[in-house]
């Protein structure tokens, strides 16, 4: 079976987010000064071949911990759907 995973990777809350700070500071320049505390992360979509939802979840988690996410600086969460 094929499964689609949507993964969101964000900087840890305890760490500074320079890109988010820059975006926050720029919001007032475009008339959106009421927006604050922007945090910028990344979104990854992938398709995985697996025997079950549990197996797909395991494979996606392995991909996140071994390659996609730096656990020292980032956290991740994902959703999986059967295709």
C-alpha atoms as a PDB file:
ATOM      1  CA  UNK A   1       0.000   0.000   0.000  1.00  0.00           C
ATOM      2  CA  UNK A   2       1.030   3.597  -0.522  1.00  0.00           C
ATOM      3  CA  UNK A   3       0.719   6.289   2.110  1.00  0.00           C
ATOM      4  CA  UNK A   4       1.230  10.049   1.899  1.00  0.00           C
ATOM      5  CA  UNK A   5       2.941  11.778   4.807  1.00  0.00           C
ATOM      6  CA  UNK A   6       2.817  15.502   5.496  1.00  0.00           C
ATOM      7  CA  UNK A   7       5.607  16.501   7.874  1.00  0.00           C
ATOM      8  CA  UNK A   8       5.975  19.853   9.644  1.00  0.00           C
ATOM      9  CA  UNK A   9       9.412  20.687  11.052  1.00  0.00           C
ATOM     10  CA  UNK A  10       9.782  23.718  13.315  1.00  0.00           C
ATOM     11  CA  UNK A  11      12.574  25.282  15.367  1.00  0.00           C
ATOM     12  CA  UNK A  12      12.357  24.359  19.041  1.00  0.00           C
ATOM     13  CA  UNK A  13      10.446  26.956  21.070  1.00  0.00           C
ATOM     14  CA  UNK A  14      13.423  27.490  23.406  1.00  0.00           C
ATOM     15  CA  UNK A  15      15.689  28.533  20.506  1.00  0.00           C
ATOM     16  CA  UNK A  16      15.890  31.809  18.649  1.00  0.00           C
ATOM     17  CA  UNK A  17      14.430  31.798  15.144  1.00  0.00           C
ATOM     18  CA  UNK A  18      16.355  34.461  13.168  1.00  0.00           C
ATOM     19  CA  UNK A  19      14.261  33.962  10.044  1.00  0.00           C
ATOM     20  CA  UNK A  20      11.056  34.277  12.067  1.00  0.00           C
ATOM     21  CA  UNK A  21      12.393  37.422  13.764  1.00  0.00           C
ATOM     22  CA  UNK A  22      13.164  38.978  10.370  1.00  0.00           C
ATOM     23  CA  UNK A  23       9.680  38.175   9.071  1.00  0.00           C
ATOM     24  CA  UNK A  24       8.096  39.537  12.261  1.00  0.00           C
ATOM     25  CA  UNK A  25      10.068  42.782  11.922  1.00  0.00           C
ATOM     26  CA  UNK A  26       8.997  43.139   8.283  1.00  0.00           C
ATOM     27  CA  UNK A  27       5.303  42.749   9.027  1.00  0.00           C
ATOM     28  CA  UNK A  28       4.925  46.383  10.085  1.00  0.00           C
ATOM     29  CA  UNK A  29       6.447  47.487   6.752  1.00  0.00           C
ATOM     30  CA  UNK A  30       3.482  45.984   4.922  1.00  0.00           C
ATOM     31  CA  UNK A  31       0.846  47.231   7.332  1.00  0.00           C
ATOM     32  CA  UNK A  32       0.617  44.083   9.465  1.00  0.00           C
ATOM     33  CA  UNK A  33       2.196  45.350  12.679  1.00  0.00           C
ATOM     34  CA  UNK A  34      -0.330  43.403  14.770  1.00  0.00           C
ATOM     35  CA  UNK A  35       1.362  40.128  13.769  1.00  0.00           C
ATOM     36  CA  UNK A  36       4.100  38.987  16.149  1.00  0.00           C
ATOM     37  CA  UNK A  37       6.195  35.973  17.141  1.00  0.00           C
ATOM     38  CA  UNK A  38       6.452  34.510  13.622  1.00  0.00           C
ATOM     39  CA  UNK A  39       8.312  31.188  13.533  1.00  0.00           C
ATOM     40  CA  UNK A  40       9.487  29.796  10.211  1.00  0.00           C
ATOM     41  CA  UNK A  41       9.871  26.065   9.618  1.00  0.00           C
ATOM     42  CA  UNK A  42       9.625  23.666   6.719  1.00  0.00           C
ATOM     43  CA  UNK A  43       7.006  21.337   5.315  1.00  0.00           C
ATOM     44  CA  UNK A  44       7.916  18.017   3.676  1.00  0.00           C
ATOM     45  CA  UNK A  45       5.503  15.759   1.766  1.00  0.00           C
ATOM     46  CA  UNK A  46       6.434  12.240   0.765  1.00  0.00           C
ATOM     47  CA  UNK A  47       4.898   8.970  -0.364  1.00  0.00           C
ATOM     48  CA  UNK A  48       5.952   5.759   1.345  1.00  0.00           C
ATOM     49  CA  UNK A  49       5.303   2.145   0.395  1.00  0.00           C
ATOM     50  CA  UNK A  50       4.376   0.094   3.472  1.00  0.00           C
ATOM     51  CA  UNK A  51       2.330  -2.926   4.523  1.00  0.00           C
ATOM     52  CA  UNK A  52       0.281  -1.011   7.102  1.00  0.00           C
ATOM     53  CA  UNK A  53      -0.339   2.429   8.576  1.00  0.00           C
ATOM     54  CA  UNK A  54       1.836   1.444  11.549  1.00  0.00           C
ATOM     55  CA  UNK A  55       4.712   0.426   9.262  1.00  0.00           C
ATOM     56  CA  UNK A  56       4.358   3.661   7.271  1.00  0.00           C
ATOM     57  CA  UNK A  57       4.402   5.682  10.482  1.00  0.00           C
ATOM     58  CA  UNK A  58       7.569   3.897  11.604  1.00  0.00           C
ATOM     59  CA  UNK A  59       9.300   4.589   8.267  1.00  0.00           C
ATOM     60  CA  UNK A  60       8.334   8.268   8.289  1.00  0.00           C
ATOM     61  CA  UNK A  61       9.515   8.627  11.882  1.00  0.00           C
ATOM     62  CA  UNK A  62      12.848   7.039  10.921  1.00  0.00           C
ATOM     63  CA  UNK A  63      13.204   9.437   7.976  1.00  0.00           C
ATOM     64  CA  UNK A  64      12.557  12.380  10.280  1.00  0.00           C
ATOM     65  CA  UNK A  65      14.969  11.301  13.007  1.00  0.00           C
ATOM     66  CA  UNK A  66      17.755  10.173  10.671  1.00  0.00           C
ATOM     67  CA  UNK A  67      17.640  12.825   7.935  1.00  0.00           C
ATOM     68  CA  UNK A  68      14.881  15.414   7.811  1.00  0.00           C
ATOM     69  CA  UNK A  69      14.990  16.886  11.316  1.00  0.00           C
ATOM     70  CA  UNK A  70      17.882  18.070  13.476  1.00  0.00           C
ATOM     71  CA  UNK A  71      16.672  16.984  16.927  1.00  0.00           C
ATOM     72  CA  UNK A  72      19.014  19.438  18.646  1.00  0.00           C
ATOM     73  CA  UNK A  73      17.316  22.426  17.028  1.00  0.00           C
ATOM     74  CA  UNK A  74      13.990  21.236  15.610  1.00  0.00           C
ATOM     75  CA  UNK A  75      10.853  19.296  16.421  1.00  0.00           C
ATOM     76  CA  UNK A  76       8.544  17.548  13.985  1.00  0.00           C
ATOM     77  CA  UNK A  77       5.062  16.164  13.670  1.00  0.00           C
ATOM     78  CA  UNK A  78       3.423  14.323  10.815  1.00  0.00           C
ATOM     79  CA  UNK A  79       0.111  13.036   9.492  1.00  0.00           C
ATOM     80  CA  UNK A  80      -0.239   9.995   7.260  1.00  0.00           C
ATOM     81  CA  UNK A  81      -3.057   9.132   4.847  1.00  0.00           C
ATOM     82  CA  UNK A  82      -3.546   6.058   2.738  1.00  0.00           C
ATOM     83  CA  UNK A  83      -3.511   6.768  -0.991  1.00  0.00           C
END
